[in-house]
Amino acid sequence: MDKKSIIGIAVVAVLFLGFAYFNSQQQKEYLEQKAAYEAYVDSVAAAARAAAPVADSLASGNGVQAEVAAAEAAAAVRERQVETLGEALLRPTVIYVKPVLRCIDAADVRGVSHITGGGFYENVPRCIPDGLCARIDKAAIRTPAVFGLLQAKGGIDEHDMFNTFNMGVGMIVVVSPETAEAALGALRAEGIDAYVCGEIVTGEEKICLC
């Protein structure tokens, strides 16, 4: 075997080893991120499931019932009644055409904003007239746990999160207060988990998250 062939084999071997090492590092990082996400989801799920029944039991002075409720909440978490990191990231996007058209037929719709790249701060103002402001209640936003993981792992501040991601809100529909329930009913009838997340007030900012 000549010198060039030996060099070629050595280079291929080095490249192969480097590729294998790169893949193993990727897998390790993925598993670490998956474990961190699942732990985060577990804590959120446990808190959500345990808080109400435990608080009610304690308020009624029934400590034994509170312990049972807490144990049941922990068991529910262990049974993995939450989605995995892969399921969260690969969940198909929602198509809102039919639900929004049904909402328009049922309610007095004043504006529609698709929350895509740019999040709340860049998309909501596009459907808000001058002199008005969409005051969004952050506490009302039902944010999936995966966004908490992204924020924690990426060291992203809250403003940038709402300026980049939809935080679990794919579409915002502005309706008159009198037809809000009709709008919610129409959207829910189409399988959309719709809820009120804010109100329109006077102001020059066009959007305010508080």
N, C-alpha and C. Protein backbone atom coordinates (compact mmCIF):
# COMPACT_ATOMS: atom_id res chain seq x y z
N MET A 1 0.86 -1.20 0.00
CA MET A 1 0.00 0.00 0.00
C MET A 1 0.89 1.24 0.00
N ASP A 2 0.59 2.17 -0.93
CA ASP A 2 1.46 3.34 -1.02
C ASP A 2 1.12 4.37 0.06
N LYS A 3 1.97 5.39 0.14
CA LYS A 3 1.85 6.41 1.19
C LYS A 3 0.54 7.18 1.08
N LYS A 4 0.10 7.50 -0.15
CA LYS A 4 -1.12 8.27 -0.34
C LYS A 4 -2.34 7.50 0.16
N SER A 5 -2.34 6.18 -0.11
CA SER A 5 -3.47 5.36 0.34
C SER A 5 -3.55 5.33 1.86
N ILE A 6 -2.36 5.21 2.50
CA ILE A 6 -2.33 5.18 3.96
C ILE A 6 -2.84 6.49 4.54
N ILE A 7 -2.42 7.60 3.93
CA ILE A 7 -2.87 8.93 4.38
C ILE A 7 -4.38 9.05 4.21
N GLY A 8 -4.87 8.54 3.04
CA GLY A 8 -6.30 8.60 2.78
C GLY A 8 -7.10 7.83 3.80
N ILE A 9 -6.63 6.64 4.14
CA ILE A 9 -7.32 5.82 5.14
C ILE A 9 -7.29 6.50 6.49
N ALA A 10 -6.14 7.09 6.82
CA ALA A 10 -6.01 7.77 8.11
C ALA A 10 -6.97 8.95 8.21
N VAL A 11 -7.06 9.71 7.11
CA VAL A 11 -7.95 10.87 7.10
C VAL A 11 -9.40 10.43 7.25
N VAL A 12 -9.79 9.37 6.51
CA VAL A 12 -11.15 8.85 6.60
C VAL A 12 -11.43 8.37 8.02
N ALA A 13 -10.46 7.67 8.61
CA ALA A 13 -10.64 7.17 9.97
C ALA A 13 -10.82 8.31 10.96
N VAL A 14 -10.01 9.36 10.80
CA VAL A 14 -10.10 10.52 11.68
C VAL A 14 -11.46 11.20 11.52
N LEU A 15 -11.88 11.36 10.27
CA LEU A 15 -13.17 11.99 10.01
C LEU A 15 -14.31 11.16 10.60
N PHE A 16 -14.22 9.85 10.47
CA PHE A 16 -15.25 8.97 10.99
C PHE A 16 -15.33 9.06 12.51
N LEU A 17 -14.14 9.04 13.14
CA LEU A 17 -14.10 9.13 14.59
C LEU A 17 -14.66 10.47 15.06
N GLY A 18 -14.31 11.54 14.32
CA GLY A 18 -14.81 12.86 14.66
C GLY A 18 -16.32 12.94 14.53
N PHE A 19 -16.85 12.32 13.47
CA PHE A 19 -18.30 12.31 13.25
C PHE A 19 -19.00 11.52 14.34
N ALA A 20 -18.42 10.37 14.70
CA ALA A 20 -19.00 9.54 15.75
C ALA A 20 -19.01 10.29 17.09
N TYR A 21 -17.90 11.01 17.37
CA TYR A 21 -17.81 11.76 18.62
C TYR A 21 -18.84 12.89 18.62
N PHE A 22 -18.99 13.56 17.45
CA PHE A 22 -19.94 14.65 17.34
C PHE A 22 -21.36 14.14 17.59
N ASN A 23 -21.69 12.98 17.00
CA ASN A 23 -23.02 12.42 17.20
C ASN A 23 -23.26 12.03 18.65
N SER A 24 -22.23 11.46 19.29
CA SER A 24 -22.39 11.07 20.68
C SER A 24 -22.57 12.29 21.57
N GLN A 25 -21.88 13.39 21.25
CA GLN A 25 -22.05 14.63 22.01
C GLN A 25 -23.44 15.20 21.82
N GLN A 26 -23.92 15.15 20.58
CA GLN A 26 -25.28 15.63 20.31
C GLN A 26 -26.30 14.84 21.09
N GLN A 27 -26.13 13.52 21.09
CA GLN A 27 -27.07 12.66 21.81
C GLN A 27 -27.05 12.95 23.30
N LYS A 28 -25.84 13.15 23.84
CA LYS A 28 -25.70 13.44 25.26
C LYS A 28 -26.42 14.75 25.61
N GLU A 29 -26.19 15.80 24.78
CA GLU A 29 -26.83 17.09 25.03
C GLU A 29 -28.35 16.98 24.91
N TYR A 30 -28.82 16.19 23.93
CA TYR A 30 -30.25 16.01 23.75
C TYR A 30 -30.86 15.35 24.99
N LEU A 31 -30.21 14.28 25.47
CA LEU A 31 -30.73 13.57 26.63
C LEU A 31 -30.74 14.46 27.86
N GLU A 32 -29.71 15.30 28.00
CA GLU A 32 -29.67 16.21 29.15
C GLU A 32 -30.81 17.23 29.06
N GLN A 33 -31.03 17.77 27.86
CA GLN A 33 -32.11 18.74 27.67
C GLN A 33 -33.47 18.09 27.86
N LYS A 34 -33.61 16.84 27.39
CA LYS A 34 -34.87 16.11 27.54
C LYS A 34 -35.17 15.88 29.02
N ALA A 35 -34.13 15.48 29.77
CA ALA A 35 -34.32 15.24 31.19
C ALA A 35 -34.69 16.52 31.92
N ALA A 36 -34.03 17.63 31.54
CA ALA A 36 -34.32 18.92 32.17
C ALA A 36 -35.75 19.36 31.87
N TYR A 37 -36.18 19.16 30.64
CA TYR A 37 -37.54 19.53 30.25
C TYR A 37 -38.57 18.71 31.00
N GLU A 38 -38.34 17.39 31.05
CA GLU A 38 -39.30 16.52 31.72
C GLU A 38 -39.39 16.83 33.21
N ALA A 39 -38.23 17.17 33.80
CA ALA A 39 -38.24 17.55 35.22
C ALA A 39 -39.03 18.83 35.42
N TYR A 40 -38.85 19.78 34.49
CA TYR A 40 -39.57 21.05 34.57
C TYR A 40 -41.07 20.83 34.42
N VAL A 41 -41.46 20.00 33.44
CA VAL A 41 -42.87 19.71 33.22
C VAL A 41 -43.46 19.00 34.43
N ASP A 42 -42.69 18.08 35.01
CA ASP A 42 -43.16 17.37 36.20
C ASP A 42 -43.47 18.34 37.34
N SER A 43 -42.58 19.32 37.52
CA SER A 43 -42.79 20.26 38.62
C SER A 43 -44.01 21.13 38.38
N VAL A 44 -44.20 21.55 37.13
CA VAL A 44 -45.37 22.36 36.79
C VAL A 44 -46.65 21.55 36.95
N ALA A 45 -46.63 20.32 36.44
CA ALA A 45 -47.81 19.46 36.51
C ALA A 45 -48.14 19.13 37.96
N ALA A 46 -47.12 18.84 38.75
CA ALA A 46 -47.35 18.49 40.16
C ALA A 46 -47.96 19.66 40.91
N ALA A 47 -47.42 20.86 40.65
CA ALA A 47 -47.94 22.04 41.34
C ALA A 47 -49.39 22.31 40.94
N ALA A 48 -49.68 22.17 39.65
CA ALA A 48 -51.03 22.45 39.16
C ALA A 48 -52.05 21.44 39.71
N ARG A 49 -51.64 20.18 39.73
CA ARG A 49 -52.57 19.14 40.18
C ARG A 49 -52.76 19.15 41.69
N ALA A 50 -51.69 19.49 42.38
CA ALA A 50 -51.75 19.39 43.83
C ALA A 50 -52.33 20.62 44.51
N ALA A 51 -52.14 21.78 43.90
CA ALA A 51 -52.47 23.04 44.57
C ALA A 51 -53.93 23.13 45.00
N ALA A 52 -54.86 22.91 44.07
CA ALA A 52 -56.27 23.12 44.38
C ALA A 52 -56.80 22.16 45.45
N PRO A 53 -56.67 20.83 45.25
CA PRO A 53 -57.23 19.94 46.27
C PRO A 53 -56.54 20.04 47.62
N VAL A 54 -55.23 20.26 47.60
CA VAL A 54 -54.51 20.37 48.87
C VAL A 54 -54.92 21.64 49.60
N ALA A 55 -55.04 22.74 48.85
CA ALA A 55 -55.44 24.01 49.47
C ALA A 55 -56.84 23.91 50.05
N ASP A 56 -57.75 23.27 49.29
CA ASP A 56 -59.13 23.11 49.78
C ASP A 56 -59.17 22.27 51.05
N SER A 57 -58.37 21.22 51.08
CA SER A 57 -58.36 20.33 52.24
C SER A 57 -57.79 21.03 53.47
N LEU A 58 -56.72 21.79 53.24
CA LEU A 58 -56.12 22.51 54.37
C LEU A 58 -57.07 23.57 54.90
N ALA A 59 -57.76 24.23 53.96
CA ALA A 59 -58.70 25.29 54.37
C ALA A 59 -59.84 24.72 55.22
N SER A 60 -60.21 23.47 54.92
CA SER A 60 -61.29 22.85 55.68
C SER A 60 -60.79 22.17 56.95
N GLY A 61 -59.47 22.22 57.16
CA GLY A 61 -58.89 21.64 58.36
C GLY A 61 -58.68 20.14 58.28
N ASN A 62 -58.82 19.57 57.09
CA ASN A 62 -58.67 18.12 56.92
C ASN A 62 -57.26 17.80 56.43
N GLY A 63 -56.32 17.64 57.36
CA GLY A 63 -54.94 17.38 57.00
C GLY A 63 -54.74 16.05 56.31
N VAL A 64 -55.50 15.02 56.71
CA VAL A 64 -55.38 13.69 56.10
C VAL A 64 -55.80 13.74 54.64
N GLN A 65 -56.90 14.44 54.37
CA GLN A 65 -57.37 14.58 53.00
C GLN A 65 -56.34 15.32 52.15
N ALA A 66 -55.66 16.30 52.74
CA ALA A 66 -54.64 17.04 52.02
C ALA A 66 -53.48 16.13 51.63
N GLU A 67 -53.09 15.25 52.55
CA GLU A 67 -51.99 14.32 52.25
C GLU A 67 -52.39 13.36 51.13
N VAL A 68 -53.62 12.90 51.14
CA VAL A 68 -54.11 11.99 50.09
C VAL A 68 -54.11 12.70 48.74
N ALA A 69 -54.59 13.96 48.74
CA ALA A 69 -54.63 14.72 47.49
C ALA A 69 -53.24 14.93 46.93
N ALA A 70 -52.27 15.23 47.81
CA ALA A 70 -50.89 15.43 47.36
C ALA A 70 -50.32 14.14 46.80
N ALA A 71 -50.62 13.00 47.44
CA ALA A 71 -50.12 11.70 46.97
C ALA A 71 -50.71 11.36 45.60
N GLU A 72 -52.00 11.67 45.42
CA GLU A 72 -52.64 11.41 44.13
C GLU A 72 -52.03 12.27 43.03
N ALA A 73 -51.71 13.51 43.35
CA ALA A 73 -51.09 14.41 42.37
C ALA A 73 -49.72 13.88 41.96
N ALA A 74 -48.93 13.43 42.94
CA ALA A 74 -47.61 12.89 42.65
C ALA A 74 -47.72 11.64 41.78
N ALA A 75 -48.72 10.79 42.06
CA ALA A 75 -48.92 9.57 41.28
C ALA A 75 -49.27 9.91 39.83
N ALA A 76 -50.09 10.94 39.65
CA ALA A 76 -50.47 11.35 38.30
C ALA A 76 -49.26 11.79 37.50
N VAL A 77 -48.34 12.48 38.16
CA VAL A 77 -47.12 12.93 37.48
C VAL A 77 -46.27 11.72 37.10
N ARG A 78 -46.16 10.76 38.03
CA ARG A 78 -45.34 9.58 37.75
C ARG A 78 -45.91 8.77 36.59
N GLU A 79 -47.22 8.84 36.40
CA GLU A 79 -47.84 8.11 35.30
C GLU A 79 -47.62 8.81 33.95
N ARG A 80 -46.85 9.90 33.97
CA ARG A 80 -46.46 10.62 32.76
C ARG A 80 -47.66 11.18 32.01
N GLN A 81 -48.56 11.84 32.71
CA GLN A 81 -49.70 12.47 32.08
C GLN A 81 -49.31 13.84 31.52
N VAL A 82 -48.13 13.91 30.95
CA VAL A 82 -47.64 15.12 30.29
C VAL A 82 -46.94 14.68 29.01
N GLU A 83 -46.79 15.59 28.05
CA GLU A 83 -46.13 15.24 26.81
C GLU A 83 -44.62 15.30 26.96
N THR A 84 -43.90 14.57 26.10
CA THR A 84 -42.45 14.58 26.13
C THR A 84 -41.93 15.81 25.39
N LEU A 85 -40.62 16.05 25.49
CA LEU A 85 -40.01 17.17 24.79
C LEU A 85 -40.21 17.02 23.29
N GLY A 86 -40.00 15.80 22.77
CA GLY A 86 -40.17 15.57 21.34
C GLY A 86 -41.59 15.84 20.88
N GLU A 87 -42.57 15.40 21.67
CA GLU A 87 -43.97 15.63 21.32
C GLU A 87 -44.31 17.12 21.31
N ALA A 88 -43.73 17.85 22.27
CA ALA A 88 -43.99 19.29 22.34
C ALA A 88 -43.43 20.01 21.12
N LEU A 89 -42.21 19.63 20.72
CA LEU A 89 -41.54 20.31 19.61
C LEU A 89 -42.10 19.91 18.25
N LEU A 90 -42.63 18.70 18.16
CA LEU A 90 -43.13 18.20 16.87
C LEU A 90 -44.64 18.32 16.72
N ARG A 91 -45.29 18.95 17.70
CA ARG A 91 -46.74 19.12 17.60
C ARG A 91 -47.09 19.96 16.37
N PRO A 92 -47.98 19.48 15.51
CA PRO A 92 -48.31 20.22 14.27
C PRO A 92 -48.89 21.59 14.57
N THR A 93 -48.64 22.53 13.68
CA THR A 93 -49.19 23.87 13.86
C THR A 93 -50.71 23.85 13.66
N VAL A 94 -51.38 24.74 14.32
CA VAL A 94 -52.85 24.81 14.21
C VAL A 94 -53.22 25.70 13.02
N ILE A 95 -54.16 25.25 12.22
CA ILE A 95 -54.67 26.05 11.10
C ILE A 95 -55.95 26.74 11.57
N TYR A 96 -55.94 28.07 11.56
CA TYR A 96 -57.01 28.84 12.18
C TYR A 96 -58.08 29.37 11.22
N VAL A 97 -57.97 29.05 9.94
CA VAL A 97 -58.88 29.65 8.96
C VAL A 97 -60.35 29.40 9.30
N LYS A 98 -60.74 28.15 9.43
CA LYS A 98 -62.15 27.83 9.70
C LYS A 98 -62.62 28.36 11.06
N PRO A 99 -61.84 28.17 12.13
CA PRO A 99 -62.28 28.71 13.42
C PRO A 99 -62.49 30.22 13.40
N VAL A 100 -61.56 30.95 12.76
CA VAL A 100 -61.68 32.41 12.73
C VAL A 100 -62.87 32.84 11.88
N LEU A 101 -63.09 32.17 10.76
CA LEU A 101 -64.25 32.51 9.93
C LEU A 101 -65.55 32.27 10.70
N ARG A 102 -65.60 31.19 11.46
CA ARG A 102 -66.80 30.92 12.28
C ARG A 102 -66.96 31.98 13.36
N CYS A 103 -65.83 32.41 13.93
CA CYS A 103 -65.87 33.46 14.94
C CYS A 103 -66.38 34.77 14.36
N ILE A 104 -65.94 35.09 13.15
CA ILE A 104 -66.38 36.32 12.48
C ILE A 104 -67.88 36.30 12.24
N ASP A 105 -68.42 35.12 11.90
CA ASP A 105 -69.86 34.99 11.68
C ASP A 105 -70.65 35.13 12.99
N ALA A 106 -70.02 34.72 14.11
CA ALA A 106 -70.75 34.67 15.38
C ALA A 106 -70.61 35.91 16.23
N ALA A 107 -69.54 36.68 16.03
CA ALA A 107 -69.25 37.80 16.93
C ALA A 107 -68.89 39.07 16.17
N ASP A 108 -68.80 40.15 16.92
CA ASP A 108 -68.42 41.45 16.36
C ASP A 108 -66.89 41.56 16.41
N VAL A 109 -66.23 41.04 15.39
CA VAL A 109 -64.77 40.99 15.35
C VAL A 109 -64.21 42.33 14.86
N ARG A 110 -63.31 42.90 15.66
CA ARG A 110 -62.72 44.20 15.33
C ARG A 110 -61.27 44.08 14.81
N GLY A 111 -60.64 42.94 15.06
CA GLY A 111 -59.27 42.76 14.61
C GLY A 111 -58.79 41.34 14.83
N VAL A 112 -57.84 40.89 14.00
CA VAL A 112 -57.28 39.55 14.11
C VAL A 112 -55.77 39.65 13.95
N SER A 113 -55.03 38.97 14.82
CA SER A 113 -53.58 39.01 14.76
C SER A 113 -53.01 37.60 14.92
N HIS A 114 -52.28 37.15 13.89
CA HIS A 114 -51.63 35.85 13.93
C HIS A 114 -50.28 36.03 14.62
N ILE A 115 -50.08 35.35 15.75
CA ILE A 115 -48.85 35.55 16.54
C ILE A 115 -47.77 34.61 16.01
N THR A 116 -46.94 35.12 15.13
CA THR A 116 -45.86 34.34 14.52
C THR A 116 -44.52 34.94 14.97
N GLY A 117 -43.53 34.95 14.09
CA GLY A 117 -42.24 35.55 14.43
C GLY A 117 -42.42 37.00 14.85
N GLY A 118 -41.79 37.39 15.94
CA GLY A 118 -41.98 38.74 16.47
C GLY A 118 -42.89 38.74 17.68
N GLY A 119 -43.52 37.58 17.92
CA GLY A 119 -44.34 37.43 19.12
C GLY A 119 -45.46 38.45 19.26
N PHE A 120 -45.75 38.79 20.49
CA PHE A 120 -46.84 39.72 20.79
C PHE A 120 -46.50 41.14 20.36
N TYR A 121 -45.29 41.58 20.66
CA TYR A 121 -44.93 42.98 20.49
C TYR A 121 -44.93 43.43 19.02
N GLU A 122 -44.67 42.53 18.09
CA GLU A 122 -44.60 42.93 16.69
C GLU A 122 -45.87 42.60 15.91
N ASN A 123 -46.70 41.71 16.45
CA ASN A 123 -47.88 41.28 15.69
C ASN A 123 -49.19 41.91 16.16
N VAL A 124 -49.40 41.97 17.46
CA VAL A 124 -50.65 42.51 17.97
C VAL A 124 -50.88 43.97 17.53
N PRO A 125 -49.86 44.85 17.59
CA PRO A 125 -50.09 46.26 17.21
C PRO A 125 -50.60 46.45 15.79
N ARG A 126 -50.40 45.48 14.92
CA ARG A 126 -50.81 45.62 13.53
C ARG A 126 -52.33 45.71 13.37
N CYS A 127 -53.07 45.21 14.37
CA CYS A 127 -54.53 45.27 14.24
C CYS A 127 -55.15 46.25 15.25
N ILE A 128 -54.29 47.07 15.87
CA ILE A 128 -54.77 48.03 16.87
C ILE A 128 -54.71 49.45 16.29
N PRO A 129 -55.81 50.17 16.23
CA PRO A 129 -55.81 51.54 15.70
C PRO A 129 -55.01 52.50 16.59
N ASP A 130 -54.59 53.59 16.03
CA ASP A 130 -53.89 54.63 16.80
C ASP A 130 -54.79 55.13 17.94
N GLY A 131 -54.15 55.37 19.08
CA GLY A 131 -54.89 55.87 20.23
C GLY A 131 -55.45 54.78 21.13
N LEU A 132 -55.28 53.51 20.71
CA LEU A 132 -55.76 52.39 21.52
C LEU A 132 -54.59 51.47 21.87
N CYS A 133 -54.81 50.65 22.89
CA CYS A 133 -53.75 49.76 23.36
C CYS A 133 -54.36 48.41 23.78
N ALA A 134 -53.74 47.33 23.34
CA ALA A 134 -54.15 45.99 23.77
C ALA A 134 -53.41 45.68 25.07
N ARG A 135 -54.15 45.67 26.18
CA ARG A 135 -53.55 45.37 27.47
C ARG A 135 -53.70 43.88 27.73
N ILE A 136 -52.58 43.17 27.64
CA ILE A 136 -52.56 41.72 27.78
C ILE A 136 -52.23 41.34 29.21
N ASP A 137 -53.03 40.46 29.77
CA ASP A 137 -52.80 39.97 31.13
C ASP A 137 -51.87 38.76 31.05
N LYS A 138 -50.60 38.93 31.42
CA LYS A 138 -49.63 37.84 31.32
C LYS A 138 -50.04 36.63 32.16
N ALA A 139 -50.68 36.88 33.28
CA ALA A 139 -51.10 35.78 34.15
C ALA A 139 -52.17 34.91 33.50
N ALA A 140 -52.88 35.47 32.52
CA ALA A 140 -53.94 34.72 31.86
C ALA A 140 -53.41 33.85 30.73
N ILE A 141 -52.19 34.12 30.27
CA ILE A 141 -51.62 33.37 29.15
C ILE A 141 -51.29 31.94 29.59
N ARG A 142 -51.82 30.98 28.87
CA ARG A 142 -51.58 29.56 29.18
C ARG A 142 -50.33 29.10 28.41
N THR A 143 -49.19 29.38 29.00
CA THR A 143 -47.92 29.12 28.33
C THR A 143 -47.45 27.68 28.55
N PRO A 144 -47.23 26.92 27.48
CA PRO A 144 -46.72 25.55 27.62
C PRO A 144 -45.36 25.53 28.31
N ALA A 145 -45.09 24.45 29.02
CA ALA A 145 -43.87 24.34 29.82
C ALA A 145 -42.60 24.45 28.99
N VAL A 146 -42.67 24.06 27.70
CA VAL A 146 -41.46 24.08 26.87
C VAL A 146 -40.87 25.48 26.77
N PHE A 147 -41.71 26.52 26.84
CA PHE A 147 -41.20 27.88 26.76
C PHE A 147 -40.39 28.24 28.01
N GLY A 148 -40.80 27.71 29.15
CA GLY A 148 -40.03 27.93 30.37
C GLY A 148 -38.65 27.30 30.26
N LEU A 149 -38.59 26.13 29.64
CA LEU A 149 -37.31 25.47 29.44
C LEU A 149 -36.42 26.29 28.51
N LEU A 150 -37.00 26.76 27.40
CA LEU A 150 -36.22 27.58 26.45
C LEU A 150 -35.69 28.84 27.12
N GLN A 151 -36.52 29.47 27.94
CA GLN A 151 -36.10 30.69 28.62
C GLN A 151 -34.98 30.41 29.61
N ALA A 152 -35.13 29.32 30.38
CA ALA A 152 -34.12 29.00 31.39
C ALA A 152 -32.80 28.57 30.77
N LYS A 153 -32.86 27.70 29.75
CA LYS A 153 -31.64 27.19 29.13
C LYS A 153 -30.95 28.26 28.29
N GLY A 154 -31.74 29.17 27.72
CA GLY A 154 -31.16 30.20 26.86
C GLY A 154 -30.84 31.50 27.57
N GLY A 155 -31.25 31.62 28.83
CA GLY A 155 -31.01 32.87 29.56
C GLY A 155 -31.70 34.05 28.90
N ILE A 156 -32.96 33.84 28.49
CA ILE A 156 -33.71 34.86 27.74
C ILE A 156 -34.62 35.63 28.69
N ASP A 157 -34.60 36.95 28.61
CA ASP A 157 -35.47 37.71 29.51
C ASP A 157 -36.92 37.67 29.01
N GLU A 158 -37.84 38.02 29.89
CA GLU A 158 -39.26 37.86 29.59
C GLU A 158 -39.70 38.68 28.38
N HIS A 159 -39.20 39.91 28.26
CA HIS A 159 -39.60 40.75 27.13
C HIS A 159 -39.21 40.10 25.81
N ASP A 160 -38.00 39.56 25.75
CA ASP A 160 -37.55 38.91 24.51
C ASP A 160 -38.35 37.65 24.22
N MET A 161 -38.79 36.94 25.25
CA MET A 161 -39.62 35.77 25.03
C MET A 161 -40.92 36.16 24.33
N PHE A 162 -41.56 37.22 24.84
CA PHE A 162 -42.83 37.67 24.25
C PHE A 162 -42.61 38.41 22.94
N ASN A 163 -41.36 38.76 22.64
CA ASN A 163 -41.04 39.46 21.40
C ASN A 163 -40.51 38.50 20.34
N THR A 164 -40.42 37.21 20.70
CA THR A 164 -39.88 36.21 19.78
C THR A 164 -40.86 35.07 19.54
N PHE A 165 -41.43 34.54 20.62
CA PHE A 165 -42.31 33.37 20.54
C PHE A 165 -43.78 33.76 20.75
N ASN A 166 -44.67 32.84 20.39
CA ASN A 166 -46.09 33.12 20.63
C ASN A 166 -46.53 32.74 22.04
N MET A 167 -45.65 32.07 22.79
CA MET A 167 -45.90 31.70 24.19
C MET A 167 -47.17 30.87 24.35
N GLY A 168 -47.52 30.14 23.28
CA GLY A 168 -48.70 29.28 23.33
C GLY A 168 -49.96 29.91 22.78
N VAL A 169 -49.87 31.16 22.33
CA VAL A 169 -51.03 31.85 21.75
C VAL A 169 -50.81 32.00 20.25
N GLY A 170 -51.53 31.21 19.47
CA GLY A 170 -51.33 31.24 18.02
C GLY A 170 -52.07 32.37 17.32
N MET A 171 -53.18 32.78 17.89
CA MET A 171 -54.02 33.80 17.25
C MET A 171 -54.73 34.64 18.31
N ILE A 172 -54.78 35.94 18.08
CA ILE A 172 -55.56 36.82 18.95
C ILE A 172 -56.66 37.46 18.12
N VAL A 173 -57.88 37.35 18.63
CA VAL A 173 -59.04 37.94 17.96
C VAL A 173 -59.62 39.01 18.88
N VAL A 174 -59.74 40.21 18.37
CA VAL A 174 -60.30 41.33 19.13
C VAL A 174 -61.78 41.43 18.82
N VAL A 175 -62.61 41.34 19.86
CA VAL A 175 -64.06 41.41 19.67
C VAL A 175 -64.66 42.41 20.65
N SER A 176 -65.87 42.83 20.38
CA SER A 176 -66.56 43.72 21.31
C SER A 176 -66.88 42.95 22.58
N PRO A 177 -66.89 43.63 23.73
CA PRO A 177 -67.18 42.94 25.00
C PRO A 177 -68.51 42.20 25.00
N GLU A 178 -69.48 42.77 24.30
CA GLU A 178 -70.82 42.18 24.30
C GLU A 178 -70.86 40.83 23.56
N THR A 179 -69.91 40.61 22.65
CA THR A 179 -69.94 39.37 21.87
C THR A 179 -68.77 38.44 22.22
N ALA A 180 -68.10 38.71 23.34
CA ALA A 180 -66.95 37.90 23.73
C ALA A 180 -67.34 36.43 23.94
N GLU A 181 -68.46 36.19 24.63
CA GLU A 181 -68.88 34.82 24.90
C GLU A 181 -69.25 34.10 23.60
N ALA A 182 -69.86 34.82 22.68
CA ALA A 182 -70.22 34.23 21.40
C ALA A 182 -68.96 33.84 20.63
N ALA A 183 -67.94 34.71 20.70
CA ALA A 183 -66.67 34.42 20.03
C ALA A 183 -66.00 33.20 20.63
N LEU A 184 -65.98 33.12 21.96
CA LEU A 184 -65.38 31.97 22.63
C LEU A 184 -66.12 30.68 22.26
N GLY A 185 -67.43 30.75 22.23
CA GLY A 185 -68.23 29.57 21.89
C GLY A 185 -67.95 29.09 20.48
N ALA A 186 -67.84 30.02 19.55
CA ALA A 186 -67.59 29.67 18.15
C ALA A 186 -66.22 29.02 17.98
N LEU A 187 -65.22 29.59 18.63
CA LEU A 187 -63.86 29.05 18.53
C LEU A 187 -63.75 27.68 19.19
N ARG A 188 -64.36 27.55 20.37
CA ARG A 188 -64.32 26.25 21.07
C ARG A 188 -65.06 25.17 20.31
N ALA A 189 -66.10 25.56 19.60
CA ALA A 189 -66.84 24.59 18.79
C ALA A 189 -65.99 24.02 17.67
N GLU A 190 -64.96 24.76 17.30
CA GLU A 190 -64.02 24.30 16.26
C GLU A 190 -62.79 23.62 16.86
N GLY A 191 -62.84 23.36 18.17
CA GLY A 191 -61.74 22.65 18.81
C GLY A 191 -60.60 23.54 19.27
N ILE A 192 -60.82 24.86 19.29
CA ILE A 192 -59.78 25.79 19.73
C ILE A 192 -59.94 26.08 21.23
N ASP A 193 -58.85 25.99 21.97
CA ASP A 193 -58.88 26.28 23.41
C ASP A 193 -58.81 27.80 23.60
N ALA A 194 -59.93 28.46 23.36
CA ALA A 194 -59.98 29.93 23.39
C ALA A 194 -60.30 30.44 24.79
N TYR A 195 -59.73 31.59 25.13
CA TYR A 195 -59.99 32.22 26.42
C TYR A 195 -59.67 33.71 26.32
N VAL A 196 -60.17 34.48 27.26
CA VAL A 196 -59.93 35.93 27.28
C VAL A 196 -58.55 36.18 27.90
N CYS A 197 -57.73 36.98 27.23
CA CYS A 197 -56.38 37.24 27.75
C CYS A 197 -56.08 38.73 27.90
N GLY A 198 -57.07 39.59 27.69
CA GLY A 198 -56.80 41.02 27.83
C GLY A 198 -57.98 41.87 27.40
N GLU A 199 -57.72 43.15 27.24
CA GLU A 199 -58.77 44.09 26.84
C GLU A 199 -58.15 45.25 26.07
N ILE A 200 -58.99 45.98 25.36
CA ILE A 200 -58.55 47.16 24.61
C ILE A 200 -58.85 48.40 25.45
N VAL A 201 -57.81 49.22 25.66
CA VAL A 201 -57.94 50.45 26.43
C VAL A 201 -57.35 51.60 25.62
N THR A 202 -57.54 52.81 26.10
CA THR A 202 -56.92 53.96 25.43
C THR A 202 -55.43 53.99 25.77
N GLY A 203 -54.63 54.42 24.79
CA GLY A 203 -53.20 54.48 25.00
C GLY A 203 -52.46 54.59 23.69
N GLU A 204 -51.22 54.99 23.75
CA GLU A 204 -50.42 55.19 22.54
C GLU A 204 -49.46 54.03 22.24
N GLU A 205 -49.30 53.12 23.18
CA GLU A 205 -48.32 52.04 22.98
C GLU A 205 -48.80 50.93 22.05
N LYS A 206 -50.11 50.77 21.89
CA LYS A 206 -50.74 49.73 21.08
C LYS A 206 -50.70 48.35 21.73
N ILE A 207 -49.69 48.08 22.55
CA ILE A 207 -49.68 46.83 23.31
C ILE A 207 -48.96 47.03 24.63
N CYS A 208 -49.51 46.42 25.65
CA CYS A 208 -48.91 46.48 26.99
C CYS A 208 -49.13 45.14 27.66
N LEU A 209 -48.07 44.48 28.07
CA LEU A 209 -48.18 43.21 28.80
C LEU A 209 -47.98 43.49 30.27
N CYS A 210 -48.97 43.18 31.07
CA CYS A 210 -48.89 43.51 32.50
C CYS A 210 -49.42 42.36 33.36
